[in-house]
Every structure is written in C-alpha cells, then in structure tokens.
Amino acid sequence: MKRSGKHMPKKERFMSEMNHVLNSNGALLLIMATWRHQKIKSQSLNGKLIIDHLNRLSNNYCLPKWVSVETLANQLHLKEIQTDDWT
C-alpha cells in the first residue's frame, strides 16, 4: 500500500488507520518530504533549530506540525520500522 500523508492534520490517526487495514504480514510505504531522512537529535542545539524551522514552515503553509517517523511508530507501537535516504 502506498499513501502520502504529509498534509494529514492528524498523522497519528492516519498511520493508525493504515496499520489497521493492513494484513498481519502487510507492509506500508510512506514517502514524506516533511519526515526528513536524517535523524534529528532534538536535545542538540542544531536539532532544536531544525525542528523549530520545520514547525515554522508548517505554520506558514498551514501544514500539520512536523513529527518524525520514529516518534509516530513508537506512539502506535509499530514494529519493524525502516527508514531510508532516497536523495
């Protein structure tokens, strides 16, 4: 299943529903420009600046707040999450 959820206001609900409709051995592919491939350490000064910048972009363009794939996966107790850099 392939879906884009970058403009979904409630990403948790979107991913939960995608997970709900998958078969037990199903796979979900999400390609999201706002979910950057680089790992951003929010504790670092640079990480805080990047997250702040992404959130300001989201506010300016009426997009949902930025959230990492890892954060959503943890909230939904998803397993076998893989991310990749396609640049």
Foldseek 3Di string as FASTA:
>chain_A
DEDECFQPQCVLVVVLVVVVPADPPGDYDYDYPLQDLDDQDCVDPVSVVVQVVSQVVCVVVVGHRRDHPVVSCVVNVHPDDDGDDPD
